[in-house]
Full PDB file with SEQRES, HELIX, SHEET, SSBOND, CRYST1, ORIGX, SCALE, CONECT and MASTER records, all heavy atoms in Angstrom:
SEQRES   1 A   41  TYR LEU MET ALA ALA PHE ASN ARG VAL VAL ARG PRO ARG          
SEQRES   2 A   41  HIS ASP GLU ASP LEU VAL PHE MET LEU VAL GLU ALA GLY          
SEQRES   3 A   41  ARG ALA CYS ILE LEU VAL ALA GLN GLY GLY LYS TRP CYS          
SEQRES   4 A   41  HIS VAL                                                      
HELIX    1 AA1 LEU A    2  VAL A    9  1                                   8    
SHEET    1 AA1 3 LEU A  18  GLU A  24  0                                        
SHEET    2 AA1 3 ARG A  27  GLN A  34 -1                                        
SHEET    3 AA1 3 LYS A  37  HIS A  40 -1                                        
CRYST1    1.000    1.000    1.000  90.00  90.00  90.00 P 1           1          
ORIGX1      1.000000  0.000000  0.000000        0.00000                         
ORIGX2      0.000000  1.000000  0.000000        0.00000                         
ORIGX3      0.000000  0.000000  1.000000        0.00000                         
SCALE1      1.000000  0.000000  0.000000        0.00000                         
SCALE2      0.000000  1.000000  0.000000        0.00000                         
SCALE3      0.000000  0.000000  1.000000        0.00000                         
ATOM      1  N   TYR A   1       0.820  -1.208   0.000  1.00  0.00           N  
ATOM      2  CA  TYR A   1       0.000   0.000   0.000  1.00  0.00           C  
ATOM      3  C   TYR A   1       0.856   1.262   0.000  1.00  0.00           C  
ATOM      4  O   TYR A   1       0.511   2.266  -0.629  1.00  0.00           O  
ATOM      5  CB  TYR A   1      -0.931  -0.039   1.219  1.00  0.00           C  
ATOM      6  CG  TYR A   1      -1.903   1.102   1.329  1.00  0.00           C  
ATOM      7  CD1 TYR A   1      -2.409   1.742   0.199  1.00  0.00           C  
ATOM      8  CD2 TYR A   1      -2.360   1.538   2.580  1.00  0.00           C  
ATOM      9  CE1 TYR A   1      -3.319   2.775   0.312  1.00  0.00           C  
ATOM     10  CE2 TYR A   1      -3.262   2.574   2.691  1.00  0.00           C  
ATOM     11  CZ  TYR A   1      -3.736   3.198   1.565  1.00  0.00           C  
ATOM     12  OH  TYR A   1      -4.634   4.225   1.680  1.00  0.00           O  
ATOM     13  N   LEU A   2       1.997   1.233   0.695  1.00  0.00           N  
ATOM     14  CA  LEU A   2       2.853   2.416   0.738  1.00  0.00           C  
ATOM     15  C   LEU A   2       3.279   2.825  -0.664  1.00  0.00           C  
ATOM     16  O   LEU A   2       3.232   4.016  -1.014  1.00  0.00           O  
ATOM     17  CB  LEU A   2       4.078   2.135   1.611  1.00  0.00           C  
ATOM     18  CG  LEU A   2       5.088   3.282   1.738  1.00  0.00           C  
ATOM     19  CD1 LEU A   2       4.443   4.514   2.364  1.00  0.00           C  
ATOM     20  CD2 LEU A   2       6.295   2.839   2.558  1.00  0.00           C  
ATOM     21  N   MET A   3       3.695   1.877  -1.486  1.00  0.00           N  
ATOM     22  CA  MET A   3       4.122   2.199  -2.846  1.00  0.00           C  
ATOM     23  C   MET A   3       2.955   2.646  -3.704  1.00  0.00           C  
ATOM     24  O   MET A   3       3.038   3.614  -4.461  1.00  0.00           O  
ATOM     25  CB  MET A   3       4.800   0.991  -3.491  1.00  0.00           C  
ATOM     26  CG  MET A   3       6.226   0.760  -3.057  1.00  0.00           C  
ATOM     27  SD  MET A   3       6.355   0.184  -1.355  1.00  0.00           S  
ATOM     28  CE  MET A   3       8.073  -0.357  -1.359  1.00  0.00           C  
ATOM     29  N   ALA A   4       1.814   1.920  -3.590  1.00  0.00           N  
ATOM     30  CA  ALA A   4       0.643   2.277  -4.385  1.00  0.00           C  
ATOM     31  C   ALA A   4       0.185   3.697  -4.068  1.00  0.00           C  
ATOM     32  O   ALA A   4      -0.132   4.481  -4.959  1.00  0.00           O  
ATOM     33  CB  ALA A   4      -0.486   1.285  -4.120  1.00  0.00           C  
ATOM     34  N   ALA A   5       0.167   4.031  -2.786  1.00  0.00           N  
ATOM     35  CA  ALA A   5      -0.296   5.357  -2.379  1.00  0.00           C  
ATOM     36  C   ALA A   5       0.675   6.437  -2.820  1.00  0.00           C  
ATOM     37  O   ALA A   5       0.271   7.484  -3.352  1.00  0.00           O  
ATOM     38  CB  ALA A   5      -0.475   5.393  -0.863  1.00  0.00           C  
ATOM     39  N   PHE A   6       1.961   6.212  -2.601  1.00  0.00           N  
ATOM     40  CA  PHE A   6       2.949   7.224  -2.968  1.00  0.00           C  
ATOM     41  C   PHE A   6       2.903   7.514  -4.463  1.00  0.00           C  
ATOM     42  O   PHE A   6       2.881   8.670  -4.885  1.00  0.00           O  
ATOM     43  CB  PHE A   6       4.349   6.753  -2.559  1.00  0.00           C  
ATOM     44  CG  PHE A   6       5.410   7.793  -2.759  1.00  0.00           C  
ATOM     45  CD1 PHE A   6       5.641   8.774  -1.801  1.00  0.00           C  
ATOM     46  CD2 PHE A   6       6.181   7.806  -3.914  1.00  0.00           C  
ATOM     47  CE1 PHE A   6       6.605   9.742  -1.994  1.00  0.00           C  
ATOM     48  CE2 PHE A   6       7.149   8.768  -4.118  1.00  0.00           C  
ATOM     49  CZ  PHE A   6       7.365   9.740  -3.145  1.00  0.00           C  
ATOM     50  N   ASN A   7       2.860   6.464  -5.266  1.00  0.00           N  
ATOM     51  CA  ASN A   7       2.831   6.660  -6.717  1.00  0.00           C  
ATOM     52  C   ASN A   7       1.541   7.300  -7.191  1.00  0.00           C  
ATOM     53  O   ASN A   7       1.521   8.021  -8.192  1.00  0.00           O  
ATOM     54  CB  ASN A   7       3.034   5.315  -7.429  1.00  0.00           C  
ATOM     55  CG  ASN A   7       4.419   4.762  -7.220  1.00  0.00           C  
ATOM     56  OD1 ASN A   7       5.369   5.495  -7.002  1.00  0.00           O  
ATOM     57  ND2 ASN A   7       4.537   3.445  -7.279  1.00  0.00           N  
ATOM     58  N   ARG A   8       0.449   7.076  -6.453  1.00  0.00           N  
ATOM     59  CA  ARG A   8      -0.851   7.571  -6.877  1.00  0.00           C  
ATOM     60  C   ARG A   8      -1.072   9.038  -6.499  1.00  0.00           C  
ATOM     61  O   ARG A   8      -1.573   9.823  -7.295  1.00  0.00           O  
ATOM     62  CB  ARG A   8      -1.958   6.703  -6.257  1.00  0.00           C  
ATOM     63  CG  ARG A   8      -3.379   7.139  -6.580  1.00  0.00           C  
ATOM     64  CD  ARG A   8      -3.702   6.936  -8.039  1.00  0.00           C  
ATOM     65  NE  ARG A   8      -5.069   7.323  -8.332  1.00  0.00           N  
ATOM     66  CZ  ARG A   8      -5.560   7.473  -9.553  1.00  0.00           C  
ATOM     67  NH1 ARG A   8      -4.790   7.264 -10.584  1.00  0.00           N  
ATOM     68  NH2 ARG A   8      -6.807   7.813  -9.749  1.00  0.00           N  
ATOM     69  N   VAL A   9      -0.704   9.406  -5.279  1.00  0.00           N  
ATOM     70  CA  VAL A   9      -1.118  10.727  -4.804  1.00  0.00           C  
ATOM     71  C   VAL A   9       0.021  11.730  -4.675  1.00  0.00           C  
ATOM     72  O   VAL A   9      -0.220  12.930  -4.546  1.00  0.00           O  
ATOM     73  CB  VAL A   9      -1.844  10.630  -3.438  1.00  0.00           C  
ATOM     74  CG1 VAL A   9      -3.037   9.718  -3.526  1.00  0.00           C  
ATOM     75  CG2 VAL A   9      -0.891  10.171  -2.330  1.00  0.00           C  
ATOM     76  N   VAL A  10       1.281  11.282  -4.709  1.00  0.00           N  
ATOM     77  CA  VAL A  10       2.382  12.214  -4.471  1.00  0.00           C  
ATOM     78  C   VAL A  10       3.063  12.608  -5.773  1.00  0.00           C  
ATOM     79  O   VAL A  10       3.081  13.771  -6.160  1.00  0.00           O  
ATOM     80  CB  VAL A  10       3.408  11.627  -3.482  1.00  0.00           C  
ATOM     81  CG1 VAL A  10       4.534  12.629  -3.233  1.00  0.00           C  
ATOM     82  CG2 VAL A  10       2.728  11.277  -2.164  1.00  0.00           C  
ATOM     83  N   ARG A  11       3.698  11.636  -6.437  1.00  0.00           N  
ATOM     84  CA  ARG A  11       4.417  11.884  -7.692  1.00  0.00           C  
ATOM     85  C   ARG A  11       5.371  13.080  -7.577  1.00  0.00           C  
ATOM     86  O   ARG A  11       5.237  14.082  -8.267  1.00  0.00           O  
ATOM     87  CB  ARG A  11       3.439  12.115  -8.845  1.00  0.00           C  
ATOM     88  CG  ARG A  11       2.590  10.901  -9.179  1.00  0.00           C  
ATOM     89  CD  ARG A  11       1.637  11.199 -10.325  1.00  0.00           C  
ATOM     90  NE  ARG A  11       0.830  10.052 -10.669  1.00  0.00           N  
ATOM     91  CZ  ARG A  11       1.188   9.119 -11.557  1.00  0.00           C  
ATOM     92  NH1 ARG A  11       2.343   9.209 -12.155  1.00  0.00           N  
ATOM     93  NH2 ARG A  11       0.394   8.101 -11.821  1.00  0.00           N  
ATOM     94  N   PRO A  12       6.390  12.989  -6.711  1.00  0.00           N  
ATOM     95  CA  PRO A  12       7.283  14.127  -6.514  1.00  0.00           C  
ATOM     96  C   PRO A  12       8.287  14.271  -7.650  1.00  0.00           C  
ATOM     97  O   PRO A  12       8.503  13.356  -8.445  1.00  0.00           O  
ATOM     98  CB  PRO A  12       8.008  13.759  -5.216  1.00  0.00           C  
ATOM     99  CG  PRO A  12       8.072  12.273  -5.271  1.00  0.00           C  
ATOM    100  CD  PRO A  12       6.782  11.829  -5.919  1.00  0.00           C  
ATOM    101  N   ARG A  13       8.929  15.432  -7.724  1.00  0.00           N  
ATOM    102  CA  ARG A  13      10.070  15.600  -8.621  1.00  0.00           C  
ATOM    103  C   ARG A  13      11.252  14.818  -8.057  1.00  0.00           C  
ATOM    104  O   ARG A  13      11.330  14.529  -6.872  1.00  0.00           O  
ATOM    105  CB  ARG A  13      10.439  17.082  -8.738  1.00  0.00           C  
ATOM    106  CG  ARG A  13       9.325  17.971  -9.266  1.00  0.00           C  
ATOM    107  CD  ARG A  13       9.866  19.379  -9.533  1.00  0.00           C  
ATOM    108  NE  ARG A  13      10.538  19.909  -8.362  1.00  0.00           N  
ATOM    109  CZ  ARG A  13       9.921  20.611  -7.414  1.00  0.00           C  
ATOM    110  NH1 ARG A  13       8.614  20.846  -7.501  1.00  0.00           N  
ATOM    111  NH2 ARG A  13      10.590  21.084  -6.376  1.00  0.00           N  
ATOM    112  N   HIS A  14      12.187  14.506  -8.940  1.00  0.00           N  
ATOM    113  CA  HIS A  14      13.326  13.685  -8.516  1.00  0.00           C  
ATOM    114  C   HIS A  14      14.175  14.390  -7.455  1.00  0.00           C  
ATOM    115  O   HIS A  14      14.821  13.744  -6.647  1.00  0.00           O  
ATOM    116  CB  HIS A  14      14.200  13.325  -9.720  1.00  0.00           C  
ATOM    117  CG  HIS A  14      13.571  12.318 -10.624  1.00  0.00           C  
ATOM    118  ND1 HIS A  14      13.178  11.066 -10.186  1.00  0.00           N  
ATOM    119  CD2 HIS A  14      13.271  12.370 -11.940  1.00  0.00           C  
ATOM    120  CE1 HIS A  14      12.668  10.391 -11.195  1.00  0.00           C  
ATOM    121  NE2 HIS A  14      12.700  11.163 -12.267  1.00  0.00           N  
ATOM    122  N   ASP A  15      14.185  15.712  -7.477  1.00  0.00           N  
ATOM    123  CA  ASP A  15      15.040  16.444  -6.546  1.00  0.00           C  
ATOM    124  C   ASP A  15      14.265  17.026  -5.364  1.00  0.00           C  
ATOM    125  O   ASP A  15      14.781  17.851  -4.616  1.00  0.00           O  
ATOM    126  CB  ASP A  15      15.765  17.579  -7.277  1.00  0.00           C  
ATOM    127  CG  ASP A  15      14.787  18.581  -7.907  1.00  0.00           C  
ATOM    128  OD1 ASP A  15      13.581  18.248  -8.016  1.00  0.00           O  
ATOM    129  OD2 ASP A  15      15.224  19.677  -8.296  1.00  0.00           O  
ATOM    130  N   GLU A  16      13.034  16.600  -5.172  1.00  0.00           N  
ATOM    131  CA  GLU A  16      12.170  17.215  -4.172  1.00  0.00           C  
ATOM    132  C   GLU A  16      12.428  16.641  -2.778  1.00  0.00           C  
ATOM    133  O   GLU A  16      12.650  15.447  -2.604  1.00  0.00           O  
ATOM    134  CB  GLU A  16      10.705  16.984  -4.548  1.00  0.00           C  
ATOM    135  CG  GLU A  16       9.721  17.742  -3.655  1.00  0.00           C  
ATOM    136  CD  GLU A  16       8.295  17.606  -4.147  1.00  0.00           C  
ATOM    137  OE1 GLU A  16       8.076  16.850  -5.106  1.00  0.00           O  
ATOM    138  OE2 GLU A  16       7.418  18.266  -3.572  1.00  0.00           O  
ATOM    139  N   ASP A  17      12.423  17.538  -1.769  1.00  0.00           N  
ATOM    140  CA  ASP A  17      12.485  17.130  -0.372  1.00  0.00           C  
ATOM    141  C   ASP A  17      11.064  17.052   0.169  1.00  0.00           C  
ATOM    142  O   ASP A  17      10.252  17.949  -0.081  1.00  0.00           O  
ATOM    143  CB  ASP A  17      13.269  18.149   0.466  1.00  0.00           C  
ATOM    144  CG  ASP A  17      14.715  18.285   0.012  1.00  0.00           C  
ATOM    145  OD1 ASP A  17      15.178  17.431  -0.759  1.00  0.00           O  
ATOM    146  OD2 ASP A  17      15.376  19.250   0.436  1.00  0.00           O  
ATOM    147  N   LEU A  18      10.759  15.998   0.917  1.00  0.00           N  
ATOM    148  CA  LEU A  18       9.421  15.895   1.480  1.00  0.00           C  
ATOM    149  C   LEU A  18       9.385  14.864   2.592  1.00  0.00           C  
ATOM    150  O   LEU A  18      10.248  13.998   2.705  1.00  0.00           O  
ATOM    151  CB  LEU A  18       8.387  15.534   0.413  1.00  0.00           C  
ATOM    152  CG  LEU A  18       8.506  14.188  -0.315  1.00  0.00           C  
ATOM    153  CD1 LEU A  18       7.793  13.071   0.450  1.00  0.00           C  
ATOM    154  CD2 LEU A  18       7.913  14.277  -1.716  1.00  0.00           C  
ATOM    155  N   VAL A  19       8.325  14.970   3.394  1.00  0.00           N  
ATOM    156  CA  VAL A  19       7.960  13.968   4.385  1.00  0.00           C  
ATOM    157  C   VAL A  19       6.565  13.487   4.011  1.00  0.00           C  
ATOM    158  O   VAL A  19       5.645  14.288   3.876  1.00  0.00           O  
ATOM    159  CB  VAL A  19       7.951  14.556   5.810  1.00  0.00           C  
ATOM    160  CG1 VAL A  19       7.490  13.497   6.815  1.00  0.00           C  
ATOM    161  CG2 VAL A  19       9.327  15.094   6.190  1.00  0.00           C  
ATOM    162  N   PHE A  20       6.418  12.197   3.821  1.00  0.00           N  
ATOM    163  CA  PHE A  20       5.128  11.618   3.431  1.00  0.00           C  
ATOM    164  C   PHE A  20       4.672  10.649   4.515  1.00  0.00           C  
ATOM    165  O   PHE A  20       5.407   9.720   4.880  1.00  0.00           O  
ATOM    166  CB  PHE A  20       5.255  10.882   2.089  1.00  0.00           C  
ATOM    167  CG  PHE A  20       4.021  10.117   1.684  1.00  0.00           C  
ATOM    168  CD1 PHE A  20       2.812  10.772   1.521  1.00  0.00           C  
ATOM    169  CD2 PHE A  20       4.073   8.749   1.445  1.00  0.00           C  
ATOM    170  CE1 PHE A  20       1.658  10.064   1.141  1.00  0.00           C  
ATOM    171  CE2 PHE A  20       2.946   8.034   1.054  1.00  0.00           C  
ATOM    172  CZ  PHE A  20       1.736   8.703   0.909  1.00  0.00           C  
ATOM    173  N   MET A  21       3.470  10.865   5.035  1.00  0.00           N  
ATOM    174  CA  MET A  21       2.892   9.935   5.997  1.00  0.00           C  
ATOM    175  C   MET A  21       1.630   9.329   5.405  1.00  0.00           C  
ATOM    176  O   MET A  21       0.720  10.044   4.984  1.00  0.00           O  
ATOM    177  CB  MET A  21       2.555  10.610   7.329  1.00  0.00           C  
ATOM    178  CG  MET A  21       1.958   9.614   8.330  1.00  0.00           C  
ATOM    179  SD  MET A  21       1.929  10.176  10.057  1.00  0.00           S  
ATOM    180  CE  MET A  21       0.585  11.350   9.994  1.00  0.00           C  
ATOM    181  N   LEU A  22       1.576   7.985   5.384  1.00  0.00           N  
ATOM    182  CA  LEU A  22       0.409   7.248   4.916  1.00  0.00           C  
ATOM    183  C   LEU A  22      -0.258   6.592   6.119  1.00  0.00           C  
ATOM    184  O   LEU A  22       0.383   5.822   6.846  1.00  0.00           O  
ATOM    185  CB  LEU A  22       0.822   6.178   3.902  1.00  0.00           C  
ATOM    186  CG  LEU A  22      -0.284   5.244   3.428  1.00  0.00           C  
ATOM    187  CD1 LEU A  22      -1.343   6.008   2.629  1.00  0.00           C  
ATOM    188  CD2 LEU A  22       0.299   4.111   2.580  1.00  0.00           C  
ATOM    189  N   VAL A  23      -1.534   6.896   6.319  1.00  0.00           N  
ATOM    190  CA  VAL A  23      -2.262   6.395   7.479  1.00  0.00           C  
ATOM    191  C   VAL A  23      -3.342   5.425   7.014  1.00  0.00           C  
ATOM    192  O   VAL A  23      -4.103   5.723   6.093  1.00  0.00           O  
ATOM    193  CB  VAL A  23      -2.915   7.552   8.271  1.00  0.00           C  
ATOM    194  CG1 VAL A  23      -3.605   7.018   9.524  1.00  0.00           C  
ATOM    195  CG2 VAL A  23      -1.871   8.609   8.639  1.00  0.00           C  
ATOM    196  N   GLU A  24      -3.388   4.252   7.625  1.00  0.00           N  
ATOM    197  CA  GLU A  24      -4.516   3.342   7.466  1.00  0.00           C  
ATOM    198  C   GLU A  24      -4.952   2.936   8.860  1.00  0.00           C  
ATOM    199  O   GLU A  24      -4.332   3.337   9.858  1.00  0.00           O  
ATOM    200  CB  GLU A  24      -4.137   2.131   6.621  1.00  0.00           C  
ATOM    201  CG  GLU A  24      -3.013   1.305   7.181  1.00  0.00           C  
ATOM    202  CD  GLU A  24      -2.703   0.088   6.325  1.00  0.00           C  
ATOM    203  OE1 GLU A  24      -3.616  -0.741   6.121  1.00  0.00           O  
ATOM    204  OE2 GLU A  24      -1.558  -0.049   5.867  1.00  0.00           O  
ATOM    205  N   ALA A  25      -6.016   2.179   8.954  1.00  0.00           N  
ATOM    206  CA  ALA A  25      -6.560   1.826  10.267  1.00  0.00           C  
ATOM    207  C   ALA A  25      -5.508   1.108  11.111  1.00  0.00           C  
ATOM    208  O   ALA A  25      -5.059   0.013  10.764  1.00  0.00           O  
ATOM    209  CB  ALA A  25      -7.792   0.940  10.101  1.00  0.00           C  
ATOM    210  N   GLY A  26      -5.079   1.753  12.183  1.00  0.00           N  
ATOM    211  CA  GLY A  26      -4.175   1.136  13.134  1.00  0.00           C  
ATOM    212  C   GLY A  26      -2.704   1.201  12.782  1.00  0.00           C  
ATOM    213  O   GLY A  26      -1.865   0.702  13.545  1.00  0.00           O  
ATOM    214  N   ARG A  27      -2.337   1.817  11.665  1.00  0.00           N  
ATOM    215  CA  ARG A  27      -0.937   1.819  11.261  1.00  0.00           C  
ATOM    216  C   ARG A  27      -0.611   3.052  10.431  1.00  0.00           C  
ATOM    217  O   ARG A  27      -1.453   3.549   9.681  1.00  0.00           O  
ATOM    218  CB  ARG A  27      -0.587   0.555  10.479  1.00  0.00           C  
ATOM    219  CG  ARG A  27       0.915   0.266  10.418  1.00  0.00           C  
ATOM    220  CD  ARG A  27       1.165  -1.194  10.118  1.00  0.00           C  
ATOM    221  NE  ARG A  27       2.579  -1.546  10.211  1.00  0.00           N  
ATOM    222  CZ  ARG A  27       3.193  -1.848  11.352  1.00  0.00           C  
ATOM    223  NH1 ARG A  27       2.534  -1.824  12.491  1.00  0.00           N  
ATOM    224  NH2 ARG A  27       4.478  -2.169  11.355  1.00  0.00           N  
ATOM    225  N   ALA A  28       0.615   3.523  10.576  1.00  0.00           N  
ATOM    226  CA  ALA A  28       1.076   4.658   9.786  1.00  0.00           C  
ATOM    227  C   ALA A  28       2.492   4.391   9.305  1.00  0.00           C  
ATOM    228  O   ALA A  28       3.324   3.849  10.041  1.00  0.00           O  
ATOM    229  CB  ALA A  28       1.041   5.944  10.608  1.00  0.00           C  
ATOM    230  N   CYS A  29       2.771   4.756   8.050  1.00  0.00           N  
ATOM    231  CA  CYS A  29       4.110   4.656   7.474  1.00  0.00           C  
ATOM    232  C   CYS A  29       4.590   6.057   7.131  1.00  0.00           C  
ATOM    233  O   CYS A  29       3.805   6.902   6.681  1.00  0.00           O  
ATOM    234  CB  CYS A  29       4.108   3.805   6.210  1.00  0.00           C  
ATOM    235  SG  CYS A  29       3.817   2.056   6.495  1.00  0.00           S  
ATOM    236  N   ILE A  30       5.885   6.286   7.333  1.00  0.00           N  
ATOM    237  CA  ILE A  30       6.466   7.595   7.045  1.00  0.00           C  
ATOM    238  C   ILE A  30       7.697   7.408   6.174  1.00  0.00           C  
ATOM    239  O   ILE A  30       8.576   6.595   6.474  1.00  0.00           O  
ATOM    240  CB  ILE A  30       6.834   8.338   8.342  1.00  0.00           C  
ATOM    241  CG1 ILE A  30       5.559   8.663   9.127  1.00  0.00           C  
ATOM    242  CG2 ILE A  30       7.612   9.621   8.034  1.00  0.00           C  
ATOM    243  CD1 ILE A  30       5.800   9.301  10.463  1.00  0.00           C  
ATOM    244  N   LEU A  31       7.749   8.164   5.078  1.00  0.00           N  
ATOM    245  CA  LEU A  31       8.884   8.203   4.167  1.00  0.00           C  
ATOM    246  C   LEU A  31       9.438   9.620   4.130  1.00  0.00           C  
ATOM    247  O   LEU A  31       8.673  10.587   4.030  1.00  0.00           O  
ATOM    248  CB  LEU A  31       8.443   7.812   2.754  1.00  0.00           C  
ATOM    249  CG  LEU A  31       8.546   6.367   2.293  1.00  0.00           C  
ATOM    250  CD1 LEU A  31       7.933   6.235   0.900  1.00  0.00           C  
ATOM    251  CD2 LEU A  31       9.979   5.894   2.283  1.00  0.00           C  
ATOM    252  N   VAL A  32      10.757   9.742   4.182  1.00  0.00           N  
ATOM    253  CA  VAL A  32      11.387  11.063   4.115  1.00  0.00           C  
ATOM    254  C   VAL A  32      12.402  11.053   2.983  1.00  0.00           C  
ATOM    255  O   VAL A  32      13.222  10.125   2.870  1.00  0.00           O  
ATOM    256  CB  VAL A  32      12.090  11.427   5.442  1.00  0.00           C  
ATOM    257  CG1 VAL A  32      12.685  12.837   5.351  1.00  0.00           C  
ATOM    258  CG2 VAL A  32      11.113  11.333   6.612  1.00  0.00           C  
ATOM    259  N   ALA A  33      12.337  12.072   2.128  1.00  0.00           N  
ATOM    260  CA  ALA A  33      13.294  12.236   1.035  1.00  0.00           C  
ATOM    261  C   ALA A  33      14.038  13.555   1.229  1.00  0.00           C  
ATOM    262  O   ALA A  33      13.430  14.570   1.572  1.00  0.00           O  
ATOM    263  CB  ALA A  33      12.591  12.219  -0.313  1.00  0.00           C  
ATOM    264  N   GLN A  34      15.336  13.526   1.006  1.00  0.00           N  
ATOM    265  CA  GLN A  34      16.171  14.724   1.105  1.00  0.00           C  
ATOM    266  C   GLN A  34      17.086  14.745  -0.112  1.00  0.00           C  
ATOM    267  O   GLN A  34      17.783  13.764  -0.404  1.00  0.00           O  
ATOM    268  CB  GLN A  34      17.011  14.687   2.384  1.00  0.00           C  
ATOM    269  CG  GLN A  34      17.809  15.948   2.652  1.00  0.00           C  
ATOM    270  CD  GLN A  34      16.948  17.064   3.223  1.00  0.00           C  
ATOM    271  OE1 GLN A  34      15.854  16.824   3.708  1.00  0.00           O  
ATOM    272  NE2 GLN A  34      17.446  18.291   3.181  1.00  0.00           N  
ATOM    273  N   GLY A  35      17.047  15.849  -0.845  1.00  0.00           N  
ATOM    274  CA  GLY A  35      17.876  15.946  -2.034  1.00  0.00           C  
ATOM    275  C   GLY A  35      17.535  14.913  -3.083  1.00  0.00           C  
ATOM    276  O   GLY A  35      18.391  14.469  -3.850  1.00  0.00           O  
ATOM    277  N   GLY A  36      16.254  14.510  -3.132  1.00  0.00           N  
ATOM    278  CA  GLY A  36      15.826  13.526  -4.107  1.00  0.00           C  
ATOM    279  C   GLY A  36      16.212  12.103  -3.764  1.00  0.00           C  
ATOM    280  O   GLY A  36      16.071  11.212  -4.597  1.00  0.00           O  
ATOM    281  N   LYS A  37      16.686  11.870  -2.531  1.00  0.00           N  
ATOM    282  CA  LYS A  37      17.067  10.527  -2.113  1.00  0.00           C  
ATOM    283  C   LYS A  37      16.322  10.167  -0.830  1.00  0.00           C  
ATOM    284  O   LYS A  37      16.111  11.019   0.034  1.00  0.00           O  
ATOM    285  CB  LYS A  37      18.574  10.443  -1.850  1.00  0.00           C  
ATOM    286  CG  LYS A  37      19.440  10.726  -3.062  1.00  0.00           C  
ATOM    287  CD  LYS A  37      20.909  10.623  -2.704  1.00  0.00           C  
ATOM    288  CE  LYS A  37      21.795  10.899  -3.914  1.00  0.00           C  
ATOM    289  NZ  LYS A  37      23.238  10.786  -3.577  1.00  0.00           N  
ATOM    290  N   TRP A  38      15.920   8.880  -0.725  1.00  0.00           N  
ATOM    291  CA  TRP A  38      15.302   8.433   0.517  1.00  0.00           C  
ATOM    292  C   TRP A  38      16.318   8.495   1.650  1.00  0.00           C  
ATOM    293  O   TRP A  38      17.466   8.077   1.493  1.00  0.00           O  
ATOM    294  CB  TRP A  38      14.805   6.992   0.381  1.00  0.00           C  
ATOM    295  CG  TRP A  38      13.790   6.759  -0.685  1.00  0.00           C  
ATOM    296  CD1 TRP A  38      13.885   5.900  -1.735  1.00  0.00           C  
ATOM    297  CD2 TRP A  38      12.510   7.384  -0.803  1.00  0.00           C  
ATOM    298  NE1 TRP A  38      12.749   5.955  -2.513  1.00  0.00           N  
ATOM    299  CE2 TRP A  38      11.889   6.861  -1.955  1.00  0.00           C  
ATOM    300  CE3 TRP A  38      11.838   8.347  -0.052  1.00  0.00           C  
ATOM    301  CZ2 TRP A  38      10.626   7.262  -2.371  1.00  0.00           C  
ATOM    302  CZ3 TRP A  38      10.578   8.744  -0.468  1.00  0.00           C  
ATOM    303  CH2 TRP A  38       9.987   8.205  -1.612  1.00  0.00           C  
ATOM    304  N   CYS A  39      15.873   9.022   2.799  1.00  0.00           N  
ATOM    305  CA  CYS A  39      16.777   9.070   3.943  1.00  0.00           C  
ATOM    306  C   CYS A  39      16.169   8.473   5.205  1.00  0.00           C  
ATOM    307  O   CYS A  39      16.876   8.306   6.212  1.00  0.00           O  
ATOM    308  CB  CYS A  39      17.245  10.500   4.213  1.00  0.00           C  
ATOM    309  SG  CYS A  39      15.942  11.655   4.709  1.00  0.00           S  
ATOM    310  N   HIS A  40      14.875   8.113   5.172  1.00  0.00           N  
ATOM    311  CA  HIS A  40      14.252   7.549   6.372  1.00  0.00           C  
ATOM    312  C   HIS A  40      12.949   6.865   5.983  1.00  0.00           C  
ATOM    313  O   HIS A  40      12.202   7.356   5.137  1.00  0.00           O  
ATOM    314  CB  HIS A  40      13.963   8.666   7.385  1.00  0.00           C  
ATOM    315  CG  HIS A  40      13.385   8.181   8.683  1.00  0.00           C  
ATOM    316  ND1 HIS A  40      14.123   7.522   9.633  1.00  0.00           N  
ATOM    317  CD2 HIS A  40      12.120   8.248   9.180  1.00  0.00           C  
ATOM    318  CE1 HIS A  40      13.358   7.216  10.667  1.00  0.00           C  
ATOM    319  NE2 HIS A  40      12.143   7.646  10.410  1.00  0.00           N  
ATOM    320  N   VAL A  41      12.676   5.708   6.602  1.00  0.00           N  
ATOM    321  CA  VAL A  41      11.386   5.039   6.459  1.00  0.00           C  
ATOM    322  C   VAL A  41      11.051   4.391   7.787  1.00  0.00           C  
ATOM    323  O   VAL A  41      11.932   3.903   8.503  1.00  0.00           O  
ATOM    324  CB  VAL A  41      11.413   3.975   5.330  1.00  0.00           C  
ATOM    325  CG1 VAL A  41      12.389   2.854   5.622  1.00  0.00           C  
ATOM    326  CG2 VAL A  41      10.013   3.413   5.078  1.00  0.00           C  
TER     327      VAL A  41                                                      
MASTER        0    0    0    1    3    0    0    6  326    1    0    4          
END                                                                             
């Protein structure tokens, strides 16, 4: 679901910095990108 959601609703630029939180019932996933690279999950 994390990949499906990110690809569906975010679609960031390759160089974009962001924090993405995906929430479903009872669970949350967080992805952080810095300088266009993943730095935390």
